[in-house]
Amino acid sequence: MPIRRLVMDVDKTVDEPDLLSLAQAIENVDGVLAVNITVDAIDIETVGTDITVEGDDIDVAAVVRSIEHAGAVVHSVDQVVAGAYVLERVPRAR
């Protein structure tokens, strides 16, 4: 089952790694075709980011290793899209 999209909550220090280096580290992982890093919180020492990774068959373990090797920390995996194509979330109507 190929992983097509991965959305993660990732923290990094204010100084390192810079966003470009982090994006490049993730993009170099097999199966990754695109990376979006969005800053969602800034503290005195840390920067919180939402990272979305898309591809054909993402090696999730390698993505996590690349993030950690760059000097950031994965707090959670918030979305996984797997299968033959990218299926967008459909909110439930109540």
PDB file of N, CA and C in Angstrom:
ATOM      1  N   MET A   1       0.838  -1.172   0.000  1.00  0.00           N
ATOM      2  CA  MET A   1       0.000   0.000   0.000  1.00  0.00           C
ATOM      3  C   MET A   1       0.891   1.245   0.000  1.00  0.00           C
ATOM      4  N   PRO A   2       0.934   1.964  -1.091  1.00  0.00           N
ATOM      5  CA  PRO A   2       1.792   3.150  -1.156  1.00  0.00           C
ATOM      6  C   PRO A   2       1.224   4.325  -0.348  1.00  0.00           C
ATOM      7  N   ILE A   3       2.111   4.971   0.401  1.00  0.00           N
ATOM      8  CA  ILE A   3       1.743   6.180   1.136  1.00  0.00           C
ATOM      9  C   ILE A   3       1.882   7.359   0.178  1.00  0.00           C
ATOM     10  N   ARG A   4       0.805   8.117   0.009  1.00  0.00           N
ATOM     11  CA  ARG A   4       0.764   9.238  -0.936  1.00  0.00           C
ATOM     12  C   ARG A   4       0.927  10.600  -0.264  1.00  0.00           C
ATOM     13  N   ARG A   5       0.422  10.720   0.984  1.00  0.00           N
ATOM     14  CA  ARG A   5       0.529  11.995   1.705  1.00  0.00           C
ATOM     15  C   ARG A   5       0.744  11.714   3.182  1.00  0.00           C
ATOM     16  N   LEU A   6       1.563  12.563   3.789  1.00  0.00           N
ATOM     17  CA  LEU A   6       1.880  12.476   5.204  1.00  0.00           C
ATOM     18  C   LEU A   6       1.837  13.902   5.747  1.00  0.00           C
ATOM     19  N   VAL A   7       1.069  14.129   6.818  1.00  0.00           N
ATOM     20  CA  VAL A   7       1.012  15.440   7.456  1.00  0.00           C
ATOM     21  C   VAL A   7       1.497  15.257   8.888  1.00  0.00           C
ATOM     22  N   MET A   8       2.498  16.052   9.272  1.00  0.00           N
ATOM     23  CA  MET A   8       3.131  15.897  10.578  1.00  0.00           C
ATOM     24  C   MET A   8       3.234  17.223  11.317  1.00  0.00           C
ATOM     25  N   ASP A   9       3.232  17.139  12.640  1.00  0.00           N
ATOM     26  CA  ASP A   9       3.516  18.260  13.527  1.00  0.00           C
ATOM     27  C   ASP A   9       4.982  18.114  13.927  1.00  0.00           C
ATOM     28  N   VAL A  10       5.806  19.074  13.535  1.00  0.00           N
ATOM     29  CA  VAL A  10       7.256  18.993  13.747  1.00  0.00           C
ATOM     30  C   VAL A  10       7.747  20.272  14.412  1.00  0.00           C
ATOM     31  N   ASP A  11       8.582  20.118  15.447  1.00  0.00           N
ATOM     32  CA  ASP A  11       9.212  21.265  16.100  1.00  0.00           C
ATOM     33  C   ASP A  11      10.702  21.292  15.778  1.00  0.00           C
ATOM     34  N   LYS A  12      11.235  22.506  15.719  1.00  0.00           N
ATOM     35  CA  LYS A  12      12.668  22.705  15.516  1.00  0.00           C
ATOM     36  C   LYS A  12      13.107  23.882  16.369  1.00  0.00           C
ATOM     37  N   THR A  13      14.390  24.020  16.578  1.00  0.00           N
ATOM     38  CA  THR A  13      14.866  25.194  17.299  1.00  0.00           C
ATOM     39  C   THR A  13      14.757  26.407  16.375  1.00  0.00           C
ATOM     40  N   VAL A  14      14.830  27.589  16.952  1.00  0.00           N
ATOM     41  CA  VAL A  14      14.708  28.811  16.165  1.00  0.00           C
ATOM     42  C   VAL A  14      15.811  28.900  15.111  1.00  0.00           C
ATOM     43  N   ASP A  15      17.034  28.480  15.469  1.00  0.00           N
ATOM     44  CA  ASP A  15      18.182  28.640  14.578  1.00  0.00           C
ATOM     45  C   ASP A  15      18.395  27.499  13.595  1.00  0.00           C
ATOM     46  N   GLU A  16      18.283  26.283  14.045  1.00  0.00           N
ATOM     47  CA  GLU A  16      18.626  25.132  13.209  1.00  0.00           C
ATOM     48  C   GLU A  16      17.595  24.034  13.347  1.00  0.00           C
ATOM     49  N   PRO A  17      17.303  23.333  12.294  1.00  0.00           N
ATOM     50  CA  PRO A  17      17.691  23.619  10.913  1.00  0.00           C
ATOM     51  C   PRO A  17      16.827  24.733  10.332  1.00  0.00           C
ATOM     52  N   ASP A  18      17.359  25.429   9.348  1.00  0.00           N
ATOM     53  CA  ASP A  18      16.532  26.425   8.676  1.00  0.00           C
ATOM     54  C   ASP A  18      15.519  25.672   7.808  1.00  0.00           C
ATOM     55  N   LEU A  19      14.451  26.339   7.432  1.00  0.00           N
ATOM     56  CA  LEU A  19      13.359  25.666   6.711  1.00  0.00           C
ATOM     57  C   LEU A  19      13.802  25.100   5.363  1.00  0.00           C
ATOM     58  N   LEU A  20      14.688  25.797   4.676  1.00  0.00           N
ATOM     59  CA  LEU A  20      15.155  25.298   3.383  1.00  0.00           C
ATOM     60  C   LEU A  20      15.946  23.995   3.538  1.00  0.00           C
ATOM     61  N   SER A  21      16.810  23.939   4.536  1.00  0.00           N
ATOM     62  CA  SER A  21      17.591  22.717   4.780  1.00  0.00           C
ATOM     63  C   SER A  21      16.679  21.563   5.181  1.00  0.00           C
ATOM     64  N   LEU A  22      15.692  21.842   6.007  1.00  0.00           N
ATOM     65  CA  LEU A  22      14.752  20.810   6.421  1.00  0.00           C
ATOM     66  C   LEU A  22      13.950  20.297   5.222  1.00  0.00           C
ATOM     67  N   ALA A  23      13.469  21.202   4.393  1.00  0.00           N
ATOM     68  CA  ALA A  23      12.719  20.800   3.190  1.00  0.00           C
ATOM     69  C   ALA A  23      13.583  19.961   2.260  1.00  0.00           C
ATOM     70  N   GLN A  24      14.826  20.348   2.078  1.00  0.00           N
ATOM     71  CA  GLN A  24      15.720  19.601   1.200  1.00  0.00           C
ATOM     72  C   GLN A  24      15.997  18.208   1.755  1.00  0.00           C
ATOM     73  N   ALA A  25      16.187  18.100   3.060  1.00  0.00           N
ATOM     74  CA  ALA A  25      16.425  16.788   3.673  1.00  0.00           C
ATOM     75  C   ALA A  25      15.238  15.861   3.441  1.00  0.00           C
ATOM     76  N   ILE A  26      14.037  16.387   3.582  1.00  0.00           N
ATOM     77  CA  ILE A  26      12.840  15.566   3.371  1.00  0.00           C
ATOM     78  C   ILE A  26      12.680  15.222   1.893  1.00  0.00           C
ATOM     79  N   GLU A  27      12.886  16.197   1.025  1.00  0.00           N
ATOM     80  CA  GLU A  27      12.704  15.993  -0.417  1.00  0.00           C
ATOM     81  C   GLU A  27      13.666  14.949  -0.979  1.00  0.00           C
ATOM     82  N   ASN A  28      14.802  14.755  -0.329  1.00  0.00           N
ATOM     83  CA  ASN A  28      15.785  13.775  -0.788  1.00  0.00           C
ATOM     84  C   ASN A  28      15.396  12.330  -0.481  1.00  0.00           C
ATOM     85  N   VAL A  29      14.339  12.120   0.306  1.00  0.00           N
ATOM     86  CA  VAL A  29      13.893  10.765   0.657  1.00  0.00           C
ATOM     87  C   VAL A  29      13.196  10.125  -0.538  1.00  0.00           C
ATOM     88  N   ASP A  30      13.466   8.833  -0.756  1.00  0.00           N
ATOM     89  CA  ASP A  30      12.829   8.102  -1.851  1.00  0.00           C
ATOM     90  C   ASP A  30      11.314   8.188  -1.754  1.00  0.00           C
ATOM     91  N   GLY A  31      10.684   8.443  -2.892  1.00  0.00           N
ATOM     92  CA  GLY A  31       9.231   8.485  -2.964  1.00  0.00           C
ATOM     93  C   GLY A  31       8.632   9.851  -2.738  1.00  0.00           C
ATOM     94  N   VAL A  32       9.414  10.803  -2.241  1.00  0.00           N
ATOM     95  CA  VAL A  32       8.909  12.146  -1.964  1.00  0.00           C
ATOM     96  C   VAL A  32       8.971  12.980  -3.236  1.00  0.00           C
ATOM     97  N   LEU A  33       7.827  13.578  -3.596  1.00  0.00           N
ATOM     98  CA  LEU A  33       7.771  14.432  -4.778  1.00  0.00           C
ATOM     99  C   LEU A  33       7.573  15.903  -4.420  1.00  0.00           C
ATOM    100  N   ALA A  34       6.994  16.182  -3.249  1.00  0.00           N
ATOM    101  CA  ALA A  34       6.735  17.568  -2.855  1.00  0.00           C
ATOM    102  C   ALA A  34       6.704  17.684  -1.336  1.00  0.00           C
ATOM    103  N   VAL A  35       7.132  18.855  -0.842  1.00  0.00           N
ATOM    104  CA  VAL A  35       7.173  19.133   0.599  1.00  0.00           C
ATOM    105  C   VAL A  35       6.617  20.532   0.827  1.00  0.00           C
ATOM    106  N   ASN A  36       5.738  20.676   1.831  1.00  0.00           N
ATOM    107  CA  ASN A  36       5.232  21.977   2.248  1.00  0.00           C
ATOM    108  C   ASN A  36       5.499  22.099   3.740  1.00  0.00           C
ATOM    109  N   ILE A  37       6.249  23.130   4.127  1.00  0.00           N
ATOM    110  CA  ILE A  37       6.515  23.395   5.542  1.00  0.00           C
ATOM    111  C   ILE A  37       5.900  24.746   5.876  1.00  0.00           C
ATOM    112  N   THR A  38       4.990  24.748   6.847  1.00  0.00           N
ATOM    113  CA  THR A  38       4.313  25.970   7.264  1.00  0.00           C
ATOM    114  C   THR A  38       4.560  26.189   8.754  1.00  0.00           C
ATOM    115  N   VAL A  39       5.077  27.362   9.091  1.00  0.00           N
ATOM    116  CA  VAL A  39       5.287  27.708  10.494  1.00  0.00           C
ATOM    117  C   VAL A  39       3.929  28.040  11.092  1.00  0.00           C
ATOM    118  N   ASP A  40       3.618  27.390  12.239  1.00  0.00           N
ATOM    119  CA  ASP A  40       2.332  27.682  12.879  1.00  0.00           C
ATOM    120  C   ASP A  40       2.481  28.233  14.294  1.00  0.00           C
ATOM    121  N   ALA A  41       3.696  28.203  14.844  1.00  0.00           N
ATOM    122  CA  ALA A  41       3.917  28.766  16.180  1.00  0.00           C
ATOM    123  C   ALA A  41       5.398  29.086  16.354  1.00  0.00           C
ATOM    124  N   ILE A  42       5.670  30.194  17.029  1.00  0.00           N
ATOM    125  CA  ILE A  42       7.055  30.556  17.340  1.00  0.00           C
ATOM    126  C   ILE A  42       7.125  30.866  18.823  1.00  0.00           C
ATOM    127  N   ASP A  43       8.069  30.198  19.485  1.00  0.00           N
ATOM    128  CA  ASP A  43       8.314  30.402  20.910  1.00  0.00           C
ATOM    129  C   ASP A  43       9.697  31.042  21.029  1.00  0.00           C
ATOM    130  N   ILE A  44      10.153  31.253  22.233  1.00  0.00           N
ATOM    131  CA  ILE A  44      11.475  31.847  22.435  1.00  0.00           C
ATOM    132  C   ILE A  44      12.567  30.969  21.836  1.00  0.00           C
ATOM    133  N   GLU A  45      12.457  29.653  22.017  1.00  0.00           N
ATOM    134  CA  GLU A  45      13.504  28.738  21.563  1.00  0.00           C
ATOM    135  C   GLU A  45      13.082  27.800  20.441  1.00  0.00           C
ATOM    136  N   THR A  46      11.780  27.642  20.203  1.00  0.00           N
ATOM    137  CA  THR A  46      11.326  26.653  19.223  1.00  0.00           C
ATOM    138  C   THR A  46      10.380  27.250  18.189  1.00  0.00           C
ATOM    139  N   VAL A  47      10.315  26.564  17.081  1.00  0.00           N
ATOM    140  CA  VAL A  47       9.399  26.905  15.999  1.00  0.00           C
ATOM    141  C   VAL A  47       8.563  25.663  15.729  1.00  0.00           C
ATOM    142  N   GLY A  48       7.247  25.807  15.801  1.00  0.00           N
ATOM    143  CA  GLY A  48       6.349  24.703  15.475  1.00  0.00           C
ATOM    144  C   GLY A  48       5.963  24.779  14.011  1.00  0.00           C
ATOM    145  N   THR A  49       6.003  23.640  13.339  1.00  0.00           N
ATOM    146  CA  THR A  49       5.669  23.617  11.919  1.00  0.00           C
ATOM    147  C   THR A  49       4.686  22.495  11.615  1.00  0.00           C
ATOM    148  N   ASP A  50       3.903  22.709  10.577  1.00  0.00           N
ATOM    149  CA  ASP A  50       3.097  21.660   9.972  1.00  0.00           C
ATOM    150  C   ASP A  50       3.804  21.291   8.684  1.00  0.00           C
ATOM    151  N   ILE A  51       4.119  20.010   8.521  1.00  0.00           N
ATOM    152  CA  ILE A  51       4.826  19.565   7.322  1.00  0.00           C
ATOM    153  C   ILE A  51       3.937  18.582   6.566  1.00  0.00           C
ATOM    154  N   THR A  52       3.716  18.883   5.294  1.00  0.00           N
ATOM    155  CA  THR A  52       2.978  17.994   4.413  1.00  0.00           C
ATOM    156  C   THR A  52       3.938  17.465   3.365  1.00  0.00           C
ATOM    157  N   VAL A  53       3.944  16.147   3.206  1.00  0.00           N
ATOM    158  CA  VAL A  53       4.810  15.489   2.234  1.00  0.00           C
ATOM    159  C   VAL A  53       3.909  14.697   1.298  1.00  0.00           C
ATOM    160  N   GLU A  54       4.133  14.836  -0.009  1.00  0.00           N
ATOM    161  CA  GLU A  54       3.383  14.053  -0.977  1.00  0.00           C
ATOM    162  C   GLU A  54       4.338  13.334  -1.908  1.00  0.00           C
ATOM    163  N   GLY A  55       3.890  12.178  -2.405  1.00  0.00           N
ATOM    164  CA  GLY A  55       4.710  11.398  -3.321  1.00  0.00           C
ATOM    165  C   GLY A  55       3.987  10.172  -3.812  1.00  0.00           C
ATOM    166  N   ASP A  56       4.727   9.298  -4.488  1.00  0.00           N
ATOM    167  CA  ASP A  56       4.150   8.088  -5.056  1.00  0.00           C
ATOM    168  C   ASP A  56       4.159   6.929  -4.075  1.00  0.00           C
ATOM    169  N   ASP A  57       5.219   6.800  -3.314  1.00  0.00           N
ATOM    170  CA  ASP A  57       5.363   5.711  -2.349  1.00  0.00           C
ATOM    171  C   ASP A  57       6.365   6.178  -1.294  1.00  0.00           C
ATOM    172  N   ILE A  58       5.895   7.001  -0.367  1.00  0.00           N
ATOM    173  CA  ILE A  58       6.760   7.655   0.608  1.00  0.00           C
ATOM    174  C   ILE A  58       7.272   6.644   1.629  1.00  0.00           C
ATOM    175  N   ASP A  59       8.569   6.661   1.865  1.00  0.00           N
ATOM    176  CA  ASP A  59       9.188   5.851   2.915  1.00  0.00           C
ATOM    177  C   ASP A  59       9.064   6.640   4.216  1.00  0.00           C
ATOM    178  N   VAL A  60       8.018   6.345   4.993  1.00  0.00           N
ATOM    179  CA  VAL A  60       7.698   7.127   6.186  1.00  0.00           C
ATOM    180  C   VAL A  60       8.844   7.100   7.190  1.00  0.00           C
ATOM    181  N   ALA A  61       9.401   5.939   7.445  1.00  0.00           N
ATOM    182  CA  ALA A  61      10.503   5.830   8.403  1.00  0.00           C
ATOM    183  C   ALA A  61      11.693   6.683   7.961  1.00  0.00           C
ATOM    184  N   ALA A  62      11.970   6.701   6.669  1.00  0.00           N
ATOM    185  CA  ALA A  62      13.087   7.505   6.160  1.00  0.00           C
ATOM    186  C   ALA A  62      12.787   8.994   6.285  1.00  0.00           C
ATOM    187  N   VAL A  63      11.536   9.400   6.110  1.00  0.00           N
ATOM    188  CA  VAL A  63      11.166  10.806   6.291  1.00  0.00           C
ATOM    189  C   VAL A  63      11.404  11.216   7.740  1.00  0.00           C
ATOM    190  N   VAL A  64      10.945  10.401   8.683  1.00  0.00           N
ATOM    191  CA  VAL A  64      11.136  10.706  10.107  1.00  0.00           C
ATOM    192  C   VAL A  64      12.630  10.768  10.436  1.00  0.00           C
ATOM    193  N   ARG A  65      13.401   9.809   9.919  1.00  0.00           N
ATOM    194  CA  ARG A  65      14.856   9.822  10.160  1.00  0.00           C
ATOM    195  C   ARG A  65      15.494  11.090   9.596  1.00  0.00           C
ATOM    196  N   SER A  66      15.075  11.508   8.413  1.00  0.00           N
ATOM    197  CA  SER A  66      15.673  12.700   7.789  1.00  0.00           C
ATOM    198  C   SER A  66      15.351  13.951   8.599  1.00  0.00           C
ATOM    199  N   ILE A  67      14.144  14.029   9.146  1.00  0.00           N
ATOM    200  CA  ILE A  67      13.754  15.163   9.981  1.00  0.00           C
ATOM    201  C   ILE A  67      14.592  15.183  11.255  1.00  0.00           C
ATOM    202  N   GLU A  68      14.720  14.025  11.901  1.00  0.00           N
ATOM    203  CA  GLU A  68      15.508  13.943  13.128  1.00  0.00           C
ATOM    204  C   GLU A  68      16.990  14.200  12.868  1.00  0.00           C
ATOM    205  N   HIS A  69      17.505  13.679  11.759  1.00  0.00           N
ATOM    206  CA  HIS A  69      18.912  13.894  11.415  1.00  0.00           C
ATOM    207  C   HIS A  69      19.190  15.386  11.153  1.00  0.00           C
ATOM    208  N   ALA A  70      18.205  16.090  10.615  1.00  0.00           N
ATOM    209  CA  ALA A  70      18.366  17.523  10.352  1.00  0.00           C
ATOM    210  C   ALA A  70      18.335  18.336  11.648  1.00  0.00           C
ATOM    211  N   GLY A  71      17.813  17.736  12.736  1.00  0.00           N
ATOM    212  CA  GLY A  71      17.807  18.427  14.015  1.00  0.00           C
ATOM    213  C   GLY A  71      16.433  18.851  14.498  1.00  0.00           C
ATOM    214  N   ALA A  72      15.377  18.330  13.886  1.00  0.00           N
ATOM    215  CA  ALA A  72      14.014  18.641  14.303  1.00  0.00           C
ATOM    216  C   ALA A  72      13.385  17.404  14.949  1.00  0.00           C
ATOM    217  N   VAL A  73      12.170  17.561  15.490  1.00  0.00           N
ATOM    218  CA  VAL A  73      11.505  16.474  16.208  1.00  0.00           C
ATOM    219  C   VAL A  73      10.078  16.325  15.699  1.00  0.00           C
ATOM    220  N   VAL A  74       9.691  15.100  15.343  1.00  0.00           N
ATOM    221  CA  VAL A  74       8.316  14.811  14.935  1.00  0.00           C
ATOM    222  C   VAL A  74       7.485  14.587  16.198  1.00  0.00           C
ATOM    223  N   HIS A  75       6.478  15.436  16.395  1.00  0.00           N
ATOM    224  CA  HIS A  75       5.594  15.272  17.555  1.00  0.00           C
ATOM    225  C   HIS A  75       4.450  14.329  17.253  1.00  0.00           C
ATOM    226  N   SER A  76       3.914  14.410  16.035  1.00  0.00           N
ATOM    227  CA  SER A  76       2.810  13.523  15.689  1.00  0.00           C
ATOM    228  C   SER A  76       2.663  13.437  14.178  1.00  0.00           C
ATOM    229  N   VAL A  77       2.075  12.324  13.758  1.00  0.00           N
ATOM    230  CA  VAL A  77       1.640  12.165  12.375  1.00  0.00           C
ATOM    231  C   VAL A  77       0.138  12.402  12.411  1.00  0.00           C
ATOM    232  N   ASP A  78      -0.312  13.458  11.740  1.00  0.00           N
ATOM    233  CA  ASP A  78      -1.702  13.892  11.844  1.00  0.00           C
ATOM    234  C   ASP A  78      -2.583  13.448  10.677  1.00  0.00           C
ATOM    235  N   GLN A  79      -1.977  13.045   9.581  1.00  0.00           N
ATOM    236  CA  GLN A  79      -2.758  12.543   8.451  1.00  0.00           C
ATOM    237  C   GLN A  79      -1.897  11.613   7.623  1.00  0.00           C
ATOM    238  N   VAL A  80      -2.502  10.523   7.181  1.00  0.00           N
ATOM    239  CA  VAL A  80      -1.865   9.594   6.247  1.00  0.00           C
ATOM    240  C   VAL A  80      -2.870   9.324   5.140  1.00  0.00           C
ATOM    241  N   VAL A  81      -2.431   9.483   3.889  1.00  0.00           N
ATOM    242  CA  VAL A  81      -3.254   9.122   2.745  1.00  0.00           C
ATOM    243  C   VAL A  81      -2.505   8.023   2.010  1.00  0.00           C
ATOM    244  N   ALA A  82      -3.180   6.896   1.816  1.00  0.00           N
ATOM    245  CA  ALA A  82      -2.538   5.744   1.195  1.00  0.00           C
ATOM    246  C   ALA A  82      -3.448   5.167   0.123  1.00  0.00           C
ATOM    247  N   GLY A  83      -2.846   4.464  -0.821  1.00  0.00           N
ATOM    248  CA  GLY A  83      -3.627   3.791  -1.845  1.00  0.00           C
ATOM    249  C   GLY A  83      -3.198   4.186  -3.239  1.00  0.00           C
ATOM    250  N   ALA A  84      -4.077   3.931  -4.192  1.00  0.00           N
ATOM    251  CA  ALA A  84      -3.771   4.147  -5.599  1.00  0.00           C
ATOM    252  C   ALA A  84      -3.743   5.624  -5.988  1.00  0.00           C
ATOM    253  N   TYR A  85      -4.456   6.466  -5.218  1.00  0.00           N
ATOM    254  CA  TYR A  85      -4.486   7.904  -5.514  1.00  0.00           C
ATOM    255  C   TYR A  85      -4.705   8.679  -4.220  1.00  0.00           C
ATOM    256  N   VAL A  86      -4.585  10.011  -4.292  1.00  0.00           N
ATOM    257  CA  VAL A  86      -4.786  10.859  -3.122  1.00  0.00           C
ATOM    258  C   VAL A  86      -6.283  11.088  -2.950  1.00  0.00           C
ATOM    259  N   LEU A  87      -6.788  10.663  -1.820  1.00  0.00           N
ATOM    260  CA  LEU A  87      -8.197  10.825  -1.480  1.00  0.00           C
ATOM    261  C   LEU A  87      -8.311  11.954  -0.465  1.00  0.00           C
ATOM    262  N   GLU A  88      -9.022  13.025  -0.837  1.00  0.00           N
ATOM    263  CA  GLU A  88      -9.175  14.160   0.063  1.00  0.00           C
ATOM    264  C   GLU A  88     -10.181  13.827   1.158  1.00  0.00           C
ATOM    265  N   ARG A  89      -9.982  14.428   2.311  1.00  0.00           N
ATOM    266  CA  ARG A  89     -10.883  14.225   3.450  1.00  0.00           C
ATOM    267  C   ARG A  89     -12.232  14.846   3.135  1.00  0.00           C
ATOM    268  N   VAL A  90     -13.273  14.120   3.468  1.00  0.00           N
ATOM    269  CA  VAL A  90     -14.643  14.621   3.316  1.00  0.00           C
ATOM    270  C   VAL A  90     -15.217  14.772   4.720  1.00  0.00           C
ATOM    271  N   PRO A  91     -15.453  16.008   5.160  1.00  0.00           N
ATOM    272  CA  PRO A  91     -15.991  16.198   6.515  1.00  0.00           C
ATOM    273  C   PRO A  91     -17.393  15.602   6.629  1.00  0.00           C
ATOM    274  N   ARG A  92     -17.676  15.044   7.795  1.00  0.00           N
ATOM    275  CA  ARG A  92     -19.018  14.496   8.022  1.00  0.00           C
ATOM    276  C   ARG A  92     -20.006  15.625   8.225  1.00  0.00           C
ATOM    277  N   ALA A  93     -21.178  15.456   7.681  1.00  0.00           N
ATOM    278  CA  ALA A  93     -22.257  16.408   7.925  1.00  0.00           C
ATOM    279  C   ALA A  93     -23.053  15.920   9.119  1.00  0.00           C
ATOM    280  N   ARG A  94     -23.347  16.820  10.050  1.00  0.00           N
ATOM    281  CA  ARG A  94     -24.119  16.425  11.239  1.00  0.00           C
ATOM    282  C   ARG A  94     -25.403  17.179  11.297  1.00  0.00           C
TER     283      ARG A  94
END
